[in-house]
Protein backbone atom coordinates (compact mmCIF):
# COMPACT_ATOMS: atom_id res chain seq x y z
CA MET A 1 0.00 0.00 0.00
CA ARG A 2 1.41 3.37 -0.97
CA LEU A 3 1.30 5.65 2.06
CA TYR A 4 2.46 8.87 0.44
CA GLN A 5 1.47 10.90 -2.56
CA PHE A 6 4.00 13.33 -3.91
CA GLY A 7 2.52 16.78 -3.79
CA TYR A 8 3.76 20.33 -4.06
CA ALA A 9 2.49 23.52 -2.51
CA ARG A 10 2.86 26.56 -4.75
CA ALA A 11 3.90 29.97 -3.58
CA ALA A 12 1.06 32.49 -3.85
CA ARG A 13 2.76 34.98 -6.16
CA GLN A 14 5.41 32.87 -7.83
CA ASN A 15 5.23 29.71 -9.87
CA ILE A 16 7.63 27.89 -7.54
CA ALA A 17 7.04 24.29 -6.49
CA VAL A 18 7.81 23.58 -2.84
CA PRO A 19 8.61 19.90 -2.18
CA ILE A 20 6.46 19.23 0.88
CA GLU A 21 4.79 15.86 1.16
CA ILE A 22 1.92 15.10 3.53
CA SER A 23 1.13 11.47 4.34
CA ALA A 24 -2.30 10.06 3.59
CA PRO A 25 -3.18 9.53 7.30
CA VAL A 26 -2.29 13.13 8.13
CA ARG A 27 -4.19 14.51 5.13
CA GLN A 28 -7.24 12.45 6.03
CA ALA A 29 -7.09 13.57 9.66
CA LEU A 30 -6.87 17.23 8.68
CA ALA A 31 -9.73 16.87 6.22
CA SER A 32 -11.94 15.16 8.81
CA GLN A 33 -11.02 17.62 11.58
CA THR A 34 -9.27 14.96 13.62
CA GLY A 35 -6.50 16.29 15.85
CA VAL A 36 -2.95 16.11 14.48
CA VAL A 37 0.24 16.55 16.50
CA ALA A 38 3.48 17.53 14.78
CA LEU A 39 6.59 15.82 16.20
CA GLU A 40 10.11 17.06 15.55
CA SER A 41 12.76 14.60 14.41
CA ALA A 42 16.09 16.21 15.34
CA VAL A 43 15.80 14.28 18.59
CA ILE A 44 15.89 11.10 16.49
CA THR A 45 18.95 12.05 14.45
CA HIS A 46 20.90 14.24 16.88
CA GLY A 47 19.30 14.19 20.33
CA LEU A 48 19.40 10.65 21.71
CA PRO A 49 21.20 7.34 21.18
CA VAL A 50 19.52 5.27 18.48
CA GLU A 51 17.64 2.82 20.72
CA ALA A 52 16.44 5.56 23.07
CA ALA A 53 15.44 7.78 20.14
CA LEU A 54 13.30 5.04 18.64
CA GLU A 55 11.75 4.23 22.02
CA ALA A 56 10.95 7.94 22.45
CA VAL A 57 9.26 8.27 19.08
CA ARG A 58 7.23 5.10 19.67
CA ARG A 59 6.08 6.38 23.05
CA GLN A 60 5.15 9.76 21.59
CA TRP A 61 3.30 8.03 18.77
CA ASP A 62 1.37 5.79 21.16
CA ALA A 63 0.47 8.75 23.39
CA CYS A 64 -1.02 10.59 20.41
CA VAL A 65 -2.99 7.58 19.19
CA THR A 66 -4.30 6.84 22.69
CA GLU A 67 -5.70 10.38 22.87
CA GLY A 68 -7.46 9.98 19.52
CA THR A 69 -5.07 12.05 17.40
CA VAL A 70 -2.74 11.36 14.50
CA PRO A 71 1.02 11.78 15.06
CA ALA A 72 2.86 13.58 12.26
CA VAL A 73 6.61 13.09 12.55
CA ILE A 74 8.23 15.73 10.36
CA ALA A 75 11.59 15.14 8.70
CA VAL A 76 13.58 15.51 5.50
CA TYR A 77 13.35 12.12 3.85
CA GLN A 78 14.41 11.11 0.33
CA GLY A 79 14.73 14.73 -0.73
CA ARG A 80 11.29 15.78 0.46
CA LEU A 81 10.06 17.68 3.50
CA ARG A 82 7.76 14.97 4.82
CA VAL A 83 4.83 15.58 7.17
CA GLY A 84 3.94 12.15 8.49
CA VAL A 85 7.02 9.93 8.49
CA SER A 86 6.32 6.31 9.51
CA LEU A 87 7.98 4.54 12.43
CA ASP A 88 9.96 2.38 10.01
CA GLU A 89 11.21 5.51 8.28
CA CYS A 90 12.13 7.00 11.67
CA ALA A 91 14.33 3.94 12.21
CA VAL A 92 16.02 4.57 8.86
CA LEU A 93 16.67 8.18 9.86
CA ALA A 94 18.08 7.20 13.24
CA ASN A 95 20.59 4.90 11.57
CA ARG A 96 21.76 7.28 8.84
CA PRO A 97 25.09 8.86 9.84
CA ASP A 98 24.74 11.40 7.01
CA ALA A 99 21.39 12.77 8.25
CA VAL A 100 21.77 16.48 8.96
CA LYS A 101 20.25 18.67 11.64
CA VAL A 102 17.69 20.70 9.68
CA SER A 103 16.74 24.26 10.58
CA PRO A 104 15.16 26.92 8.34
CA TRP A 105 18.57 28.21 7.22
CA ASN A 106 19.59 24.86 5.63
CA LEU A 107 16.17 23.34 4.95
CA ALA A 108 16.25 23.91 1.18
CA SER A 109 19.84 22.70 0.76
CA SER A 110 19.20 19.60 2.88
CA LEU A 111 16.56 18.49 0.36
CA ILE A 112 19.26 18.37 -2.30
CA ALA A 113 22.08 16.89 -0.23
CA PRO A 114 22.02 14.62 1.63
CA GLY A 115 18.23 14.43 1.31
CA PHE A 116 17.82 13.11 4.86
CA GLY A 117 17.64 15.08 8.09
CA GLY A 118 16.00 15.58 11.43
CA THR A 119 14.01 18.79 11.73
CA THR A 120 14.57 21.08 14.69
CA VAL A 121 11.64 22.75 16.40
CA ALA A 122 12.10 25.72 14.04
CA ALA A 123 11.98 23.65 10.85
CA THR A 124 9.12 21.56 12.25
CA ILE A 125 7.16 24.76 12.92
CA VAL A 126 7.72 25.79 9.29
CA ALA A 127 6.39 22.49 7.97
CA ALA A 128 3.52 22.32 10.46
CA ALA A 129 2.36 25.81 9.50
CA MET A 130 2.45 24.88 5.81
CA ALA A 131 0.33 21.81 6.54
CA ARG A 132 -1.98 23.85 8.83
CA ILE A 133 -1.13 21.83 11.92
CA ARG A 134 -1.49 24.00 15.03
CA ILE A 135 0.00 21.79 17.78
CA LEU A 136 3.62 20.63 18.01
CA SER A 137 5.25 18.54 20.71
CA THR A 138 8.92 18.45 21.60
CA GLY A 139 11.23 18.00 24.57
CA GLY A 140 12.78 21.41 25.13
CA ILE A 141 12.87 24.45 22.88
CA GLY A 142 16.00 26.29 21.83
CA GLY A 143 16.65 29.80 23.01
CA VAL A 144 19.34 32.31 23.91
CA HIS A 145 22.71 30.80 24.77
CA PRO A 146 24.80 32.17 27.63
CA GLY A 147 27.27 34.86 26.65
CA ASP A 148 26.75 38.00 24.64
CA GLY A 149 23.17 37.12 23.61
CA ARG A 150 24.04 36.82 19.93
CA ASP A 151 23.76 33.04 19.68
CA VAL A 152 19.99 32.58 19.48
CA SER A 153 18.04 29.56 18.29
CA SER A 154 15.80 30.01 15.26
CA ASP A 155 13.13 28.19 17.29
CA LEU A 156 12.34 31.60 18.79
CA THR A 157 12.27 33.32 15.40
CA GLU A 158 9.79 30.84 13.95
CA LEU A 159 7.62 30.97 17.07
CA GLY A 160 7.33 34.69 16.41
CA ARG A 161 6.33 34.07 12.79
CA LYS A 162 4.02 31.05 12.68
CA PRO A 163 0.68 30.31 14.45
CA VAL A 164 1.82 27.06 16.07
CA CYS A 165 1.57 26.06 19.73
CA VAL A 166 4.66 24.22 21.00
CA VAL A 167 4.20 21.97 24.03
CA CYS A 168 7.55 21.50 25.75
CA ALA A 169 9.37 21.12 29.07
CA GLY A 170 10.75 24.64 28.79
CA PRO A 171 14.03 25.77 27.22
CA LYS A 172 16.90 23.27 27.22
CA SER A 173 18.95 23.24 30.39
CA THR A 174 22.08 24.71 28.81
CA LEU A 175 20.38 27.98 27.82
CA ASP A 176 20.06 31.40 29.40
CA ARG A 177 16.47 31.04 30.52
CA ALA A 178 15.98 34.65 31.60
CA ALA A 179 17.19 35.95 28.24
CA THR A 180 15.06 33.36 26.43
CA LEU A 181 11.92 34.48 28.25
CA GLU A 182 12.73 38.12 27.47
CA ARG A 183 13.21 37.32 23.77
CA LEU A 184 9.91 35.44 23.63
CA GLU A 185 8.18 38.42 25.22
CA THR A 186 9.72 40.74 22.62
CA LEU A 187 8.47 38.43 19.86
CA GLY A 188 4.94 38.43 21.29
CA VAL A 189 5.05 34.72 22.11
CA PRO A 190 3.13 33.89 25.31
CA VAL A 191 4.61 31.27 27.63
CA ILE A 192 1.82 29.49 29.50
CA GLY A 193 2.49 27.25 32.47
CA TRP A 194 0.58 23.98 32.49
CA ARG A 195 -0.50 23.49 36.10
CA SER A 196 2.54 25.46 37.22
CA ASP A 197 3.42 29.09 37.96
CA ARG A 198 7.10 28.48 37.12
CA LEU A 199 8.96 27.85 33.91
CA ALA A 200 9.55 24.13 33.38
CA GLY A 201 13.13 23.01 33.95
CA PHE A 202 13.53 20.62 30.99
CA LEU A 203 15.18 17.58 32.63
CA ALA A 204 14.52 19.04 36.08
CA GLU A 205 10.99 19.66 37.29
CA SER A 206 10.89 23.47 37.45
CA THR A 207 12.98 26.61 37.55
CA ASP A 208 12.66 29.71 39.71
CA PHE A 209 11.41 31.82 36.81
CA PRO A 210 7.77 32.92 37.25
CA LEU A 211 5.42 32.80 34.29
CA PRO A 212 2.78 35.43 33.47
CA ALA A 213 0.04 32.89 32.79
CA ARG A 214 -1.01 29.53 34.18
CA VAL A 215 -3.78 27.12 33.18
CA ASP A 216 -4.93 24.03 35.05
CA SER A 217 -7.34 22.41 32.59
CA HIS A 218 -7.72 21.88 28.87
CA ALA A 219 -10.77 24.03 28.08
CA PRO A 220 -9.31 27.37 29.19
CA LEU A 221 -6.02 26.62 27.44
CA VAL A 222 -7.82 25.92 24.17
CA SER A 223 -9.74 29.18 24.67
CA VAL A 224 -6.49 31.09 25.19
CA LEU A 225 -4.97 29.57 22.04
CA ARG A 226 -7.99 30.46 19.92
CA ALA A 227 -8.16 34.01 21.30
CA HIS A 228 -4.42 34.50 20.73
CA TRP A 229 -4.70 33.48 17.09
CA GLU A 230 -7.91 35.44 16.50
CA LEU A 231 -6.13 38.53 17.84
CA GLY A 232 -3.39 38.09 15.25
CA GLY A 233 -0.85 36.36 17.50
CA GLN A 234 1.53 33.74 16.19
CA GLY A 235 3.42 31.12 18.22
CA VAL A 236 2.60 29.97 21.75
CA VAL A 237 4.74 28.01 24.22
CA VAL A 238 3.06 25.69 26.70
CA SER A 239 5.51 24.88 29.49
CA GLN A 240 4.87 21.52 31.17
CA PRO A 241 7.21 20.50 34.02
CA LEU A 242 8.54 16.96 34.06
CA THR A 243 7.08 15.31 37.16
CA GLY A 244 7.66 12.07 38.99
CA ALA A 245 10.74 9.93 39.49
CA ALA A 246 12.16 10.70 36.05
CA ALA A 247 12.85 14.36 36.92
CA ILE A 248 16.47 15.14 37.81
CA PRO A 249 17.30 17.58 40.63
CA ALA A 250 18.06 21.01 39.21
CA GLU A 251 21.44 21.21 40.95
CA LEU A 252 22.61 18.21 38.92
CA VAL A 253 21.34 19.59 35.62
CA ASP A 254 22.19 23.28 35.78
CA VAL A 255 25.95 22.92 35.60
CA ASP A 256 28.14 24.72 33.05
CA ASP A 257 30.27 22.02 31.44
CA GLY A 258 32.29 24.47 29.35
CA GLY A 259 32.86 24.23 25.62
CA ASP A 260 33.32 26.91 22.97
CA GLU A 261 31.01 25.70 20.20
CA ARG A 262 28.74 28.11 18.38
CA GLY A 263 26.00 27.77 15.81
CA PRO A 264 24.08 24.56 15.03
CA ASP A 265 26.66 22.27 16.67
CA ARG A 266 26.45 24.00 20.04
CA THR A 267 23.30 22.47 21.51
CA PRO A 268 24.11 18.84 20.51
CA ALA A 269 27.62 19.26 21.99
CA GLU A 270 26.28 20.73 25.23
CA LEU A 271 23.65 18.05 25.60
CA GLY A 272 26.25 15.41 24.76
CA ARG A 273 28.44 16.57 27.66
CA LEU A 274 25.39 16.59 29.92
CA ARG A 275 24.58 13.02 28.86
CA GLN A 276 28.17 11.95 29.57
CA ARG A 277 27.87 13.35 33.08
CA LEU A 278 24.37 12.11 33.93
CA GLY A 279 24.43 8.90 31.91
CA SER A 280 21.26 6.86 31.50
CA ARG A 281 19.43 9.09 33.96
CA MET A 282 19.37 11.89 31.39
CA VAL A 283 18.16 9.55 28.66
CA ARG A 284 15.31 8.26 30.83
CA ALA A 285 14.27 11.80 31.74
CA ASN A 286 14.37 12.89 28.09
CA VAL A 287 12.23 9.98 26.91
CA ALA A 288 9.75 10.54 29.75
CA LEU A 289 9.28 14.24 29.05
CA LEU A 290 8.85 13.61 25.32
CA GLU A 291 6.05 11.14 26.05
CA GLN A 292 4.45 13.43 28.63
CA ASN A 293 4.50 16.42 26.28
CA ALA A 294 3.09 14.38 23.39
CA ARG A 295 0.17 13.30 25.55
CA LEU A 296 -0.70 16.87 26.53
CA ALA A 297 -0.22 18.04 22.94
CA ALA A 298 -2.59 15.32 21.73
CA GLN A 299 -5.21 16.27 24.31
CA LEU A 300 -5.03 19.87 23.11
CA ALA A 301 -5.09 18.93 19.42
CA ALA A 302 -8.16 16.74 19.91
CA ARG A 303 -10.04 19.51 21.69
CA LEU A 304 -8.88 22.22 19.31
CA ALA A 305 -10.08 20.20 16.32
CA THR A 306 -13.63 20.02 17.69
CA ALA A 307 -13.85 23.39 19.49
């Protein structure tokens, strides 16, 4: 059975074909107003060891299906920006050493060579917006790195541009959280705490940073999302703390391990050093928060589709 149909979206004012491919299950879900959750794939290619990455994507997938939604893993695959990569194709991606980390700046070139890549939150937002998917789930978002404030993830840029809600466990632990919150405020991107007044701490439960908004149930959060978009707003961040035994104490996570990387290699290098220090504990926490965020994202997508 052929799962995909090759299709191209055309730019409004130019006769330019954009190679984006939406799977049949995702297209059918969108047409029938069934909830769809976009899942980023850089965690598969660059975020976790292969076995853990595949376990994480399976657990995210199952969480979405259990909540009555369709998971849409987004990736560059065989020279196409694919919205709705299968689990078997995720396994292929995880085992390709040439797969690149795809962000908006290299998205077009990655389609040409090598033709395979894991999409960051930023590139996943781009594809989700093109497919009209409003809810995206990830682990932690990128942000402002410590230092002079010039090294900033394009996750923030795309959140300021596209009407997509990103459910996450806050900014990654290696980032300057205060500067990241300030940049999101400047971009007009609300950060909403899910059952918490504090910014989520990624691998840890919470940080000391207060949030301007908190919601404790699904209906008011869906109402906030709809009002934000109707008022002309773009991206939204929903911050969900990692709870339970999987959470790592903040004092073990928030340690500067050094390193002088910049640009797209910086976050994988920083997280790699963190993984070397914390070992399997970090992997377990990462997989748990990915599953937890996918479940909340699916609950929101299901309600948003019928609201």
